[in-house]
Amino acid sequence: MNLKKFNSDYFSPMLSKNRKQIGLVTLLAGLVLACGTALYVPRESALISKGELKEMQGGRAVYISKCGSCHSLALPEKYSAQEWKALVGRMAPKAHLTSQEEAEILKYVTKNDSSLLGNH
């Protein structure tokens, strides 16, 4: 029986393409798992009015886009409402946040904690 030597050059373009696709899928899945599912998504409830819900959803979007562009995002439950107030206040100038964006982020990360209302 005449067995030819395995020629990896024949398969390498196909393997290289598959490796790139697998790498890309793995990277995208990691990003989704690291950011998308860990951060809660505000939903309408008896405690949140439609206006507040829109602000919290906007705060989540700004938190992800502005804060997440420089560093990894902390889960909202990692800090108390008072700690978030200090952190957001300290980081707002660095992130070039408007006062509205700052308020929306604070509403989102504190889950609309009423103890902070009016203290911004």
PDB file of N, CA and C in Angstrom:
ATOM      1  N   MET A   1       0.827  -1.154   0.000  1.00  0.00           N
ATOM      2  CA  MET A   1       0.000   0.000   0.000  1.00  0.00           C
ATOM      3  C   MET A   1       0.887   1.239   0.000  1.00  0.00           C
ATOM      4  N   ASN A   2       0.558   2.149  -0.866  1.00  0.00           N
ATOM      5  CA  ASN A   2       1.364   3.348  -1.022  1.00  0.00           C
ATOM      6  C   ASN A   2       0.674   4.517  -0.304  1.00  0.00           C
ATOM      7  N   LEU A   3       1.166   4.854   0.856  1.00  0.00           N
ATOM      8  CA  LEU A   3       0.617   5.980   1.612  1.00  0.00           C
ATOM      9  C   LEU A   3       1.466   7.220   1.360  1.00  0.00           C
ATOM     10  N   LYS A   4       0.799   8.239   0.891  1.00  0.00           N
ATOM     11  CA  LYS A   4       1.520   9.480   0.657  1.00  0.00           C
ATOM     12  C   LYS A   4       1.704  10.190   1.992  1.00  0.00           C
ATOM     13  N   LYS A   5       2.768  10.949   2.044  1.00  0.00           N
ATOM     14  CA  LYS A   5       3.034  11.738   3.230  1.00  0.00           C
ATOM     15  C   LYS A   5       1.931  12.797   3.373  1.00  0.00           C
ATOM     16  N   PHE A   6       1.446  12.992   4.590  1.00  0.00           N
ATOM     17  CA  PHE A   6       0.400  13.985   4.844  1.00  0.00           C
ATOM     18  C   PHE A   6       0.947  15.370   4.498  1.00  0.00           C
ATOM     19  N   ASN A   7       0.239  16.074   3.651  1.00  0.00           N
ATOM     20  CA  ASN A   7       0.669  17.391   3.219  1.00  0.00           C
ATOM     21  C   ASN A   7      -0.201  18.439   3.906  1.00  0.00           C
ATOM     22  N   SER A   8       0.326  19.046   4.932  1.00  0.00           N
ATOM     23  CA  SER A   8      -0.454  20.026   5.685  1.00  0.00           C
ATOM     24  C   SER A   8      -0.651  21.314   4.893  1.00  0.00           C
ATOM     25  N   ASP A   9       0.201  21.564   3.901  1.00  0.00           N
ATOM     26  CA  ASP A   9       0.032  22.776   3.090  1.00  0.00           C
ATOM     27  C   ASP A   9      -1.287  22.750   2.331  1.00  0.00           C
ATOM     28  N   TYR A  10      -1.763  21.563   2.010  1.00  0.00           N
ATOM     29  CA  TYR A  10      -3.027  21.444   1.289  1.00  0.00           C
ATOM     30  C   TYR A  10      -4.192  21.921   2.159  1.00  0.00           C
ATOM     31  N   PHE A  11      -4.123  21.615   3.448  1.00  0.00           N
ATOM     32  CA  PHE A  11      -5.213  21.944   4.363  1.00  0.00           C
ATOM     33  C   PHE A  11      -5.037  23.289   5.076  1.00  0.00           C
ATOM     34  N   SER A  12      -3.844  23.873   5.086  1.00  0.00           N
ATOM     35  CA  SER A  12      -3.595  25.045   5.919  1.00  0.00           C
ATOM     36  C   SER A  12      -4.478  26.251   5.611  1.00  0.00           C
ATOM     37  N   PRO A  13      -4.792  26.599   4.349  1.00  0.00           N
ATOM     38  CA  PRO A  13      -5.686  27.746   4.157  1.00  0.00           C
ATOM     39  C   PRO A  13      -7.066  27.516   4.781  1.00  0.00           C
ATOM     40  N   MET A  14      -7.579  26.296   4.651  1.00  0.00           N
ATOM     41  CA  MET A  14      -8.882  25.979   5.202  1.00  0.00           C
ATOM     42  C   MET A  14      -8.821  25.995   6.736  1.00  0.00           C
ATOM     43  N   LEU A  15      -7.767  25.446   7.319  1.00  0.00           N
ATOM     44  CA  LEU A  15      -7.625  25.425   8.763  1.00  0.00           C
ATOM     45  C   LEU A  15      -7.441  26.834   9.312  1.00  0.00           C
ATOM     46  N   SER A  16      -6.662  27.640   8.615  1.00  0.00           N
ATOM     47  CA  SER A  16      -6.424  29.005   9.053  1.00  0.00           C
ATOM     48  C   SER A  16      -7.723  29.802   9.080  1.00  0.00           C
ATOM     49  N   LYS A  17      -8.553  29.639   8.049  1.00  0.00           N
ATOM     50  CA  LYS A  17      -9.826  30.342   7.975  1.00  0.00           C
ATOM     51  C   LYS A  17     -10.742  29.894   9.117  1.00  0.00           C
ATOM     52  N   ASN A  18     -10.775  28.595   9.372  1.00  0.00           N
ATOM     53  CA  ASN A  18     -11.609  28.079  10.453  1.00  0.00           C
ATOM     54  C   ASN A  18     -11.132  28.581  11.812  1.00  0.00           C
ATOM     55  N   ARG A  19      -9.823  28.644  12.017  1.00  0.00           N
ATOM     56  CA  ARG A  19      -9.282  29.146  13.282  1.00  0.00           C
ATOM     57  C   ARG A  19      -9.676  30.602  13.490  1.00  0.00           C
ATOM     58  N   LYS A  20      -9.608  31.392  12.444  1.00  0.00           N
ATOM     59  CA  LYS A  20      -9.988  32.798  12.542  1.00  0.00           C
ATOM     60  C   LYS A  20     -11.468  32.937  12.881  1.00  0.00           C
ATOM     61  N   GLN A  21     -12.298  32.127  12.254  1.00  0.00           N
ATOM     62  CA  GLN A  21     -13.732  32.181  12.532  1.00  0.00           C
ATOM     63  C   GLN A  21     -14.027  31.761  13.969  1.00  0.00           C
ATOM     64  N   ILE A  22     -13.372  30.712  14.413  1.00  0.00           N
ATOM     65  CA  ILE A  22     -13.564  30.235  15.786  1.00  0.00           C
ATOM     66  C   ILE A  22     -13.087  31.293  16.773  1.00  0.00           C
ATOM     67  N   GLY A  23     -11.953  31.914  16.486  1.00  0.00           N
ATOM     68  CA  GLY A  23     -11.436  32.969  17.352  1.00  0.00           C
ATOM     69  C   GLY A  23     -12.387  34.143  17.433  1.00  0.00           C
ATOM     70  N   LEU A  24     -12.937  34.543  16.298  1.00  0.00           N
ATOM     71  CA  LEU A  24     -13.865  35.670  16.269  1.00  0.00           C
ATOM     72  C   LEU A  24     -15.140  35.354  17.044  1.00  0.00           C
ATOM     73  N   VAL A  25     -15.672  34.168  16.848  1.00  0.00           N
ATOM     74  CA  VAL A  25     -16.880  33.757  17.569  1.00  0.00           C
ATOM     75  C   VAL A  25     -16.608  33.705  19.075  1.00  0.00           C
ATOM     76  N   THR A  26     -15.467  33.190  19.460  1.00  0.00           N
ATOM     77  CA  THR A  26     -15.100  33.111  20.866  1.00  0.00           C
ATOM     78  C   THR A  26     -14.966  34.503  21.475  1.00  0.00           C
ATOM     79  N   LEU A  27     -14.325  35.409  20.746  1.00  0.00           N
ATOM     80  CA  LEU A  27     -14.170  36.770  21.220  1.00  0.00           C
ATOM     81  C   LEU A  27     -15.524  37.447  21.399  1.00  0.00           C
ATOM     82  N   LEU A  28     -16.388  37.335  20.410  1.00  0.00           N
ATOM     83  CA  LEU A  28     -17.710  37.952  20.493  1.00  0.00           C
ATOM     84  C   LEU A  28     -18.537  37.365  21.629  1.00  0.00           C
ATOM     85  N   ALA A  29     -18.478  36.066  21.794  1.00  0.00           N
ATOM     86  CA  ALA A  29     -19.209  35.425  22.885  1.00  0.00           C
ATOM     87  C   ALA A  29     -18.685  35.903  24.236  1.00  0.00           C
ATOM     88  N   GLY A  30     -17.385  36.047  24.342  1.00  0.00           N
ATOM     89  CA  GLY A  30     -16.790  36.543  25.580  1.00  0.00           C
ATOM     90  C   GLY A  30     -17.233  37.951  25.898  1.00  0.00           C
ATOM     91  N   LEU A  31     -17.272  38.800  24.879  1.00  0.00           N
ATOM     92  CA  LEU A  31     -17.723  40.176  25.091  1.00  0.00           C
ATOM     93  C   LEU A  31     -19.175  40.230  25.535  1.00  0.00           C
ATOM     94  N   VAL A  32     -20.007  39.425  24.905  1.00  0.00           N
ATOM     95  CA  VAL A  32     -21.420  39.395  25.278  1.00  0.00           C
ATOM     96  C   VAL A  32     -21.581  38.919  26.707  1.00  0.00           C
ATOM     97  N   LEU A  33     -20.878  37.862  27.057  1.00  0.00           N
ATOM     98  CA  LEU A  33     -20.989  37.327  28.411  1.00  0.00           C
ATOM     99  C   LEU A  33     -20.388  38.268  29.443  1.00  0.00           C
ATOM    100  N   ALA A  34     -19.296  38.920  29.103  1.00  0.00           N
ATOM    101  CA  ALA A  34     -18.629  39.793  30.059  1.00  0.00           C
ATOM    102  C   ALA A  34     -19.408  41.060  30.335  1.00  0.00           C
ATOM    103  N   CYS A  35     -20.107  41.548  29.344  1.00  0.00           N
ATOM    104  CA  CYS A  35     -20.746  42.846  29.523  1.00  0.00           C
ATOM    105  C   CYS A  35     -22.258  42.778  29.443  1.00  0.00           C
ATOM    106  N   GLY A  36     -22.755  42.179  28.411  1.00  0.00           N
ATOM    107  CA  GLY A  36     -24.179  42.247  28.137  1.00  0.00           C
ATOM    108  C   GLY A  36     -25.068  41.585  29.162  1.00  0.00           C
ATOM    109  N   THR A  37     -24.725  40.407  29.580  1.00  0.00           N
ATOM    110  CA  THR A  37     -25.637  39.685  30.451  1.00  0.00           C
ATOM    111  C   THR A  37     -25.410  39.999  31.920  1.00  0.00           C
ATOM    112  N   ALA A  38     -24.222  40.453  32.295  1.00  0.00           N
ATOM    113  CA  ALA A  38     -23.936  40.716  33.693  1.00  0.00           C
ATOM    114  C   ALA A  38     -24.618  41.985  34.176  1.00  0.00           C
ATOM    115  N   LEU A  39     -24.715  42.975  33.317  1.00  0.00           N
ATOM    116  CA  LEU A  39     -25.368  44.223  33.696  1.00  0.00           C
ATOM    117  C   LEU A  39     -26.869  44.060  33.570  1.00  0.00           C
ATOM    118  N   TYR A  40     -27.568  44.405  34.618  1.00  0.00           N
ATOM    119  CA  TYR A  40     -29.012  44.237  34.571  1.00  0.00           C
ATOM    120  C   TYR A  40     -29.624  45.205  33.561  1.00  0.00           C
ATOM    121  N   VAL A  41     -30.766  44.827  33.046  1.00  0.00           N
ATOM    122  CA  VAL A  41     -31.517  45.655  32.110  1.00  0.00           C
ATOM    123  C   VAL A  41     -32.748  46.159  32.846  1.00  0.00           C
ATOM    124  N   PRO A  42     -32.885  47.496  32.986  1.00  0.00           N
ATOM    125  CA  PRO A  42     -34.060  48.019  33.679  1.00  0.00           C
ATOM    126  C   PRO A  42     -35.349  47.634  32.964  1.00  0.00           C
ATOM    127  N   ARG A  43     -36.334  47.221  33.721  1.00  0.00           N
ATOM    128  CA  ARG A  43     -37.630  46.839  33.174  1.00  0.00           C
ATOM    129  C   ARG A  43     -38.718  47.601  33.919  1.00  0.00           C
ATOM    130  N   GLU A  44     -39.838  47.765  33.261  1.00  0.00           N
ATOM    131  CA  GLU A  44     -40.958  48.469  33.882  1.00  0.00           C
ATOM    132  C   GLU A  44     -41.512  47.635  35.035  1.00  0.00           C
ATOM    133  N   SER A  45     -41.771  48.300  36.138  1.00  0.00           N
ATOM    134  CA  SER A  45     -42.360  47.622  37.295  1.00  0.00           C
ATOM    135  C   SER A  45     -43.226  48.636  38.036  1.00  0.00           C
ATOM    136  N   ALA A  46     -43.809  48.181  39.114  1.00  0.00           N
ATOM    137  CA  ALA A  46     -44.649  49.070  39.914  1.00  0.00           C
ATOM    138  C   ALA A  46     -43.817  50.174  40.555  1.00  0.00           C
ATOM    139  N   LEU A  47     -42.506  49.936  40.722  1.00  0.00           N
ATOM    140  CA  LEU A  47     -41.638  50.899  41.383  1.00  0.00           C
ATOM    141  C   LEU A  47     -41.007  51.901  40.423  1.00  0.00           C
ATOM    142  N   ILE A  48     -41.071  51.622  39.137  1.00  0.00           N
ATOM    143  CA  ILE A  48     -40.409  52.475  38.147  1.00  0.00           C
ATOM    144  C   ILE A  48     -41.443  52.988  37.164  1.00  0.00           C
ATOM    145  N   SER A  49     -41.578  54.297  37.075  1.00  0.00           N
ATOM    146  CA  SER A  49     -42.493  54.871  36.093  1.00  0.00           C
ATOM    147  C   SER A  49     -41.868  54.779  34.703  1.00  0.00           C
ATOM    148  N   LYS A  50     -42.671  55.008  33.671  1.00  0.00           N
ATOM    149  CA  LYS A  50     -42.152  54.943  32.306  1.00  0.00           C
ATOM    150  C   LYS A  50     -41.046  55.964  32.076  1.00  0.00           C
ATOM    151  N   GLY A  51     -41.200  57.169  32.640  1.00  0.00           N
ATOM    152  CA  GLY A  51     -40.167  58.195  32.504  1.00  0.00           C
ATOM    153  C   GLY A  51     -38.861  57.776  33.159  1.00  0.00           C
ATOM    154  N   GLU A  52     -38.977  57.230  34.363  1.00  0.00           N
ATOM    155  CA  GLU A  52     -37.781  56.766  35.072  1.00  0.00           C
ATOM    156  C   GLU A  52     -37.140  55.592  34.335  1.00  0.00           C
ATOM    157  N   LEU A  53     -37.955  54.720  33.778  1.00  0.00           N
ATOM    158  CA  LEU A  53     -37.442  53.583  33.035  1.00  0.00           C
ATOM    159  C   LEU A  53     -36.606  54.058  31.851  1.00  0.00           C
ATOM    160  N   LYS A  54     -37.103  55.047  31.113  1.00  0.00           N
ATOM    161  CA  LYS A  54     -36.349  55.571  29.966  1.00  0.00           C
ATOM    162  C   LYS A  54     -35.028  56.181  30.421  1.00  0.00           C
ATOM    163  N   GLU A  55     -35.056  56.901  31.533  1.00  0.00           N
ATOM    164  CA  GLU A  55     -33.816  57.478  32.066  1.00  0.00           C
ATOM    165  C   GLU A  55     -32.827  56.385  32.464  1.00  0.00           C
ATOM    166  N   MET A  56     -33.323  55.338  33.114  1.00  0.00           N
ATOM    167  CA  MET A  56     -32.444  54.250  33.544  1.00  0.00           C
ATOM    168  C   MET A  56     -31.891  53.488  32.346  1.00  0.00           C
ATOM    169  N   GLN A  57     -32.708  53.275  31.327  1.00  0.00           N
ATOM    170  CA  GLN A  57     -32.226  52.614  30.113  1.00  0.00           C
ATOM    171  C   GLN A  57     -31.185  53.488  29.419  1.00  0.00           C
ATOM    172  N   GLY A  58     -31.444  54.797  29.401  1.00  0.00           N
ATOM    173  CA  GLY A  58     -30.458  55.719  28.835  1.00  0.00           C
ATOM    174  C   GLY A  58     -29.178  55.707  29.643  1.00  0.00           C
ATOM    175  N   GLY A  59     -29.312  55.655  30.966  1.00  0.00           N
ATOM    176  CA  GLY A  59     -28.144  55.585  31.835  1.00  0.00           C
ATOM    177  C   GLY A  59     -27.323  54.332  31.593  1.00  0.00           C
ATOM    178  N   ARG A  60     -28.000  53.229  31.359  1.00  0.00           N
ATOM    179  CA  ARG A  60     -27.293  51.977  31.061  1.00  0.00           C
ATOM    180  C   ARG A  60     -26.507  52.114  29.770  1.00  0.00           C
ATOM    181  N   ALA A  61     -27.135  52.697  28.746  1.00  0.00           N
ATOM    182  CA  ALA A  61     -26.470  52.873  27.453  1.00  0.00           C
ATOM    183  C   ALA A  61     -25.253  53.790  27.578  1.00  0.00           C
ATOM    184  N   VAL A  62     -25.401  54.885  28.323  1.00  0.00           N
ATOM    185  CA  VAL A  62     -24.278  55.813  28.503  1.00  0.00           C
ATOM    186  C   VAL A  62     -23.187  55.152  29.346  1.00  0.00           C
ATOM    187  N   TYR A  63     -23.579  54.415  30.375  1.00  0.00           N
ATOM    188  CA  TYR A  63     -22.616  53.707  31.225  1.00  0.00           C
ATOM    189  C   TYR A  63     -21.771  52.760  30.381  1.00  0.00           C
ATOM    190  N   ILE A  64     -22.421  52.010  29.505  1.00  0.00           N
ATOM    191  CA  ILE A  64     -21.701  51.055  28.665  1.00  0.00           C
ATOM    192  C   ILE A  64     -20.818  51.783  27.662  1.00  0.00           C
ATOM    193  N   SER A  65     -21.367  52.797  26.983  1.00  0.00           N
ATOM    194  CA  SER A  65     -20.602  53.438  25.913  1.00  0.00           C
ATOM    195  C   SER A  65     -19.498  54.352  26.431  1.00  0.00           C
ATOM    196  N   LYS A  66     -19.798  55.198  27.391  1.00  0.00           N
ATOM    197  CA  LYS A  66     -18.788  56.169  27.852  1.00  0.00           C
ATOM    198  C   LYS A  66     -17.840  55.558  28.877  1.00  0.00           C
ATOM    199  N   CYS A  67     -18.384  54.932  29.901  1.00  0.00           N
ATOM    200  CA  CYS A  67     -17.529  54.371  30.952  1.00  0.00           C
ATOM    201  C   CYS A  67     -16.766  53.149  30.436  1.00  0.00           C
ATOM    202  N   GLY A  68     -17.486  52.331  29.651  1.00  0.00           N
ATOM    203  CA  GLY A  68     -16.877  51.114  29.127  1.00  0.00           C
ATOM    204  C   GLY A  68     -15.843  51.357  28.045  1.00  0.00           C
ATOM    205  N   SER A  69     -15.774  52.576  27.510  1.00  0.00           N
ATOM    206  CA  SER A  69     -14.784  52.851  26.474  1.00  0.00           C
ATOM    207  C   SER A  69     -13.385  52.999  27.065  1.00  0.00           C
ATOM    208  N   CYS A  70     -13.282  53.263  28.371  1.00  0.00           N
ATOM    209  CA  CYS A  70     -11.969  53.449  29.000  1.00  0.00           C
ATOM    210  C   CYS A  70     -11.550  52.287  29.901  1.00  0.00           C
ATOM    211  N   HIS A  71     -12.506  51.646  30.517  1.00  0.00           N
ATOM    212  CA  HIS A  71     -12.162  50.572  31.453  1.00  0.00           C
ATOM    213  C   HIS A  71     -13.303  49.575  31.557  1.00  0.00           C
ATOM    214  N   SER A  72     -13.043  48.462  32.230  1.00  0.00           N
ATOM    215  CA  SER A  72     -14.095  47.469  32.408  1.00  0.00           C
ATOM    216  C   SER A  72     -15.151  48.018  33.363  1.00  0.00           C
ATOM    217  N   LEU A  73     -16.354  47.555  33.190  1.00  0.00           N
ATOM    218  CA  LEU A  73     -17.486  48.079  33.947  1.00  0.00           C
ATOM    219  C   LEU A  73     -17.704  47.294  35.237  1.00  0.00           C
ATOM    220  N   ALA A  74     -17.943  48.009  36.294  1.00  0.00           N
ATOM    221  CA  ALA A  74     -18.280  47.372  37.571  1.00  0.00           C
ATOM    222  C   ALA A  74     -19.772  47.068  37.574  1.00  0.00           C
ATOM    223  N   LEU A  75     -20.137  45.973  38.167  1.00  0.00           N
ATOM    224  CA  LEU A  75     -21.553  45.657  38.304  1.00  0.00           C
ATOM    225  C   LEU A  75     -22.184  46.659  39.254  1.00  0.00           C
ATOM    226  N   PRO A  76     -23.395  47.103  38.965  1.00  0.00           N
ATOM    227  CA  PRO A  76     -24.044  48.091  39.833  1.00  0.00           C
ATOM    228  C   PRO A  76     -24.090  47.691  41.308  1.00  0.00           C
ATOM    229  N   GLU A  77     -24.261  46.416  41.588  1.00  0.00           N
ATOM    230  CA  GLU A  77     -24.363  45.979  42.979  1.00  0.00           C
ATOM    231  C   GLU A  77     -23.019  45.937  43.710  1.00  0.00           C
ATOM    232  N   LYS A  78     -21.938  46.220  43.008  1.00  0.00           N
ATOM    233  CA  LYS A  78     -20.616  46.186  43.641  1.00  0.00           C
ATOM    234  C   LYS A  78     -20.446  47.313  44.666  1.00  0.00           C
ATOM    235  N   TYR A  79     -21.093  48.445  44.441  1.00  0.00           N
ATOM    236  CA  TYR A  79     -20.947  49.596  45.321  1.00  0.00           C
ATOM    237  C   TYR A  79     -22.303  50.043  45.857  1.00  0.00           C
ATOM    238  N   SER A  80     -22.263  50.710  46.987  1.00  0.00           N
ATOM    239  CA  SER A  80     -23.492  51.274  47.556  1.00  0.00           C
ATOM    240  C   SER A  80     -23.874  52.513  46.750  1.00  0.00           C
ATOM    241  N   ALA A  81     -25.072  53.010  46.976  1.00  0.00           N
ATOM    242  CA  ALA A  81     -25.534  54.206  46.267  1.00  0.00           C
ATOM    243  C   ALA A  81     -24.614  55.392  46.549  1.00  0.00           C
ATOM    244  N   GLN A  82     -24.185  55.545  47.785  1.00  0.00           N
ATOM    245  CA  GLN A  82     -23.294  56.656  48.134  1.00  0.00           C
ATOM    246  C   GLN A  82     -21.924  56.501  47.465  1.00  0.00           C
ATOM    247  N   GLU A  83     -21.423  55.274  47.396  1.00  0.00           N
ATOM    248  CA  GLU A  83     -20.142  55.041  46.714  1.00  0.00           C
ATOM    249  C   GLU A  83     -20.258  55.349  45.230  1.00  0.00           C
ATOM    250  N   TRP A  84     -21.387  54.950  44.617  1.00  0.00           N
ATOM    251  CA  TRP A  84     -21.600  55.245  43.200  1.00  0.00           C
ATOM    252  C   TRP A  84     -21.656  56.754  42.976  1.00  0.00           C
ATOM    253  N   LYS A  85     -22.316  57.459  43.865  1.00  0.00           N
ATOM    254  CA  LYS A  85     -22.430  58.911  43.718  1.00  0.00           C
ATOM    255  C   LYS A  85     -21.034  59.540  43.678  1.00  0.00           C
ATOM    256  N   ALA A  86     -20.165  59.107  44.572  1.00  0.00           N
ATOM    257  CA  ALA A  86     -18.801  59.631  44.611  1.00  0.00           C
ATOM    258  C   ALA A  86     -18.013  59.219  43.356  1.00  0.00           C
ATOM    259  N   LEU A  87     -18.131  57.945  42.955  1.00  0.00           N
ATOM    260  CA  LEU A  87     -17.399  57.459  41.780  1.00  0.00           C
ATOM    261  C   LEU A  87     -17.842  58.169  40.497  1.00  0.00           C
ATOM    262  N   VAL A  88     -19.136  58.243  40.293  1.00  0.00           N
ATOM    263  CA  VAL A  88     -19.650  58.876  39.083  1.00  0.00           C
ATOM    264  C   VAL A  88     -19.278  60.358  39.074  1.00  0.00           C
ATOM    265  N   GLY A  89     -19.394  61.005  40.221  1.00  0.00           N
ATOM    266  CA  GLY A  89     -19.022  62.415  40.313  1.00  0.00           C
ATOM    267  C   GLY A  89     -17.555  62.653  39.996  1.00  0.00           C
ATOM    268  N   ARG A  90     -16.698  61.737  40.436  1.00  0.00           N
ATOM    269  CA  ARG A  90     -15.262  61.859  40.181  1.00  0.00           C
ATOM    270  C   ARG A  90     -14.905  61.579  38.721  1.00  0.00           C
ATOM    271  N   MET A  91     -15.621  60.630  38.114  1.00  0.00           N
ATOM    272  CA  MET A  91     -15.290  60.226  36.745  1.00  0.00           C
ATOM    273  C   MET A  91     -15.987  61.062  35.671  1.00  0.00           C
ATOM    274  N   ALA A  92     -17.056  61.749  36.015  1.00  0.00           N
ATOM    275  CA  ALA A  92     -17.838  62.507  35.021  1.00  0.00           C
ATOM    276  C   ALA A  92     -16.992  63.486  34.199  1.00  0.00           C
ATOM    277  N   PRO A  93     -16.123  64.278  34.825  1.00  0.00           N
ATOM    278  CA  PRO A  93     -15.313  65.200  34.016  1.00  0.00           C
ATOM    279  C   PRO A  93     -14.366  64.471  33.059  1.00  0.00           C
ATOM    280  N   LYS A  94     -13.801  63.361  33.517  1.00  0.00           N
ATOM    281  CA  LYS A  94     -12.880  62.589  32.665  1.00  0.00           C
ATOM    282  C   LYS A  94     -13.595  61.998  31.460  1.00  0.00           C
ATOM    283  N   ALA A  95     -14.859  61.606  31.655  1.00  0.00           N
ATOM    284  CA  ALA A  95     -15.648  60.989  30.583  1.00  0.00           C
ATOM    285  C   ALA A  95     -16.408  62.035  29.766  1.00  0.00           C
ATOM    286  N   HIS A  96     -16.240  63.296  30.127  1.00  0.00           N
ATOM    287  CA  HIS A  96     -16.936  64.388  29.435  1.00  0.00           C
ATOM    288  C   HIS A  96     -18.448  64.168  29.433  1.00  0.00           C
ATOM    289  N   LEU A  97     -18.976  63.829  30.603  1.00  0.00           N
ATOM    290  CA  LEU A  97     -20.411  63.595  30.732  1.00  0.00           C
ATOM    291  C   LEU A  97     -21.147  64.913  30.924  1.00  0.00           C
ATOM    292  N   THR A  98     -22.316  64.997  30.324  1.00  0.00           N
ATOM    293  CA  THR A  98     -23.195  66.123  30.629  1.00  0.00           C
ATOM    294  C   THR A  98     -23.821  65.855  31.993  1.00  0.00           C
ATOM    295  N   SER A  99     -24.418  66.877  32.574  1.00  0.00           N
ATOM    296  CA  SER A  99     -25.066  66.659  33.874  1.00  0.00           C
ATOM    297  C   SER A  99     -26.231  65.678  33.742  1.00  0.00           C
ATOM    298  N   GLN A 100     -26.903  65.690  32.589  1.00  0.00           N
ATOM    299  CA  GLN A 100     -28.001  64.735  32.362  1.00  0.00           C
ATOM    300  C   GLN A 100     -27.462  63.311  32.264  1.00  0.00           C
ATOM    301  N   GLU A 101     -26.361  63.106  31.534  1.00  0.00           N
ATOM    302  CA  GLU A 101     -25.767  61.764  31.420  1.00  0.00           C
ATOM    303  C   GLU A 101     -25.312  61.268  32.787  1.00  0.00           C
ATOM    304  N   GLU A 102     -24.710  62.158  33.552  1.00  0.00           N
ATOM    305  CA  GLU A 102     -24.256  61.791  34.898  1.00  0.00           C
ATOM    306  C   GLU A 102     -25.434  61.349  35.764  1.00  0.00           C
ATOM    307  N   ALA A 103     -26.526  62.102  35.706  1.00  0.00           N
ATOM    308  CA  ALA A 103     -27.721  61.762  36.496  1.00  0.00           C
ATOM    309  C   ALA A 103     -28.316  60.432  36.038  1.00  0.00           C
ATOM    310  N   GLU A 104     -28.348  60.192  34.727  1.00  0.00           N
ATOM    311  CA  GLU A 104     -28.904  58.942  34.209  1.00  0.00           C
ATOM    312  C   GLU A 104     -28.042  57.746  34.608  1.00  0.00           C
ATOM    313  N   ILE A 105     -26.726  57.895  34.524  1.00  0.00           N
ATOM    314  CA  ILE A 105     -25.830  56.811  34.950  1.00  0.00           C
ATOM    315  C   ILE A 105     -26.047  56.527  36.426  1.00  0.00           C
ATOM    316  N   LEU A 106     -26.116  57.569  37.214  1.00  0.00           N
ATOM    317  CA  LEU A 106     -26.311  57.400  38.653  1.00  0.00           C
ATOM    318  C   LEU A 106     -27.638  56.710  38.948  1.00  0.00           C
ATOM    319  N   LYS A 107     -28.683  57.073  38.213  1.00  0.00           N
ATOM    320  CA  LYS A 107     -29.981  56.408  38.390  1.00  0.00           C
ATOM    321  C   LYS A 107     -29.869  54.924  38.053  1.00  0.00           C
ATOM    322  N   TYR A 108     -29.146  54.629  36.970  1.00  0.00           N
ATOM    323  CA  TYR A 108     -29.006  53.226  36.543  1.00  0.00           C
ATOM    324  C   TYR A 108     -28.198  52.412  37.555  1.00  0.00           C
ATOM    325  N   VAL A 109     -27.000  52.868  37.901  1.00  0.00           N
ATOM    326  CA  VAL A 109     -26.127  52.044  38.746  1.00  0.00           C
ATOM    327  C   VAL A 109     -26.642  51.920  40.177  1.00  0.00           C
ATOM    328  N   THR A 110     -27.447  52.884  40.614  1.00  0.00           N
ATOM    329  CA  THR A 110     -28.008  52.793  41.970  1.00  0.00           C
ATOM    330  C   THR A 110     -29.400  52.183  41.955  1.00  0.00           C
ATOM    331  N   LYS A 111     -29.851  51.771  40.780  1.00  0.00           N
ATOM    332  CA  LYS A 111     -31.189  51.198  40.606  1.00  0.00           C
ATOM    333  C   LYS A 111     -32.253  52.161  41.139  1.00  0.00           C
ATOM    334  N   ASN A 112     -32.019  53.450  40.820  1.00  0.00           N
ATOM    335  CA  ASN A 112     -32.972  54.509  41.155  1.00  0.00           C
ATOM    336  C   ASN A 112     -33.189  54.637  42.664  1.00  0.00           C
ATOM    337  N   ASP A 113     -32.108  54.491  43.440  1.00  0.00           N
ATOM    338  CA  ASP A 113     -32.180  54.595  44.900  1.00  0.00           C
ATOM    339  C   ASP A 113     -32.724  55.966  45.293  1.00  0.00           C
ATOM    340  N   SER A 114     -33.848  55.985  45.963  1.00  0.00           N
ATOM    341  CA  SER A 114     -34.515  57.237  46.305  1.00  0.00           C
ATOM    342  C   SER A 114     -33.710  58.083  47.298  1.00  0.00           C
ATOM    343  N   SER A 115     -32.764  57.498  48.003  1.00  0.00           N
ATOM    344  CA  SER A 115     -31.980  58.280  48.962  1.00  0.00           C
ATOM    345  C   SER A 115     -31.060  59.283  48.272  1.00  0.00           C
ATOM    346  N   LEU A 116     -30.806  59.085  46.974  1.00  0.00           N
ATOM    347  CA  LEU A 116     -29.935  59.996  46.247  1.00  0.00           C
ATOM    348  C   LEU A 116     -30.696  61.063  45.487  1.00  0.00           C
ATOM    349  N   LEU A 117     -31.989  60.920  45.362  1.00  0.00           N
ATOM    350  CA  LEU A 117     -32.750  61.896  44.590  1.00  0.00           C
ATOM    351  C   LEU A 117     -32.659  63.258  45.239  1.00  0.00           C
ATOM    352  N   GLY A 118     -32.371  64.222  44.411  1.00  0.00           N
ATOM    353  CA  GLY A 118     -32.265  65.585  44.897  1.00  0.00           C
ATOM    354  C   GLY A 118     -30.917  65.910  45.523  1.00  0.00           C
ATOM    355  N   ASN A 119     -30.044  64.923  45.660  1.00  0.00           N
ATOM    356  CA  ASN A 119     -28.726  65.165  46.240  1.00  0.00           C
ATOM    357  C   ASN A 119     -27.632  65.223  45.193  1.00  0.00           C
ATOM    358  N   HIS A 120     -28.010  65.299  43.951  1.00  0.00           N
ATOM    359  CA  HIS A 120     -27.021  65.254  42.883  1.00  0.00           C
ATOM    360  C   HIS A 120     -26.463  66.592  42.693  1.00  0.00           C
TER     361      HIS A 120
END
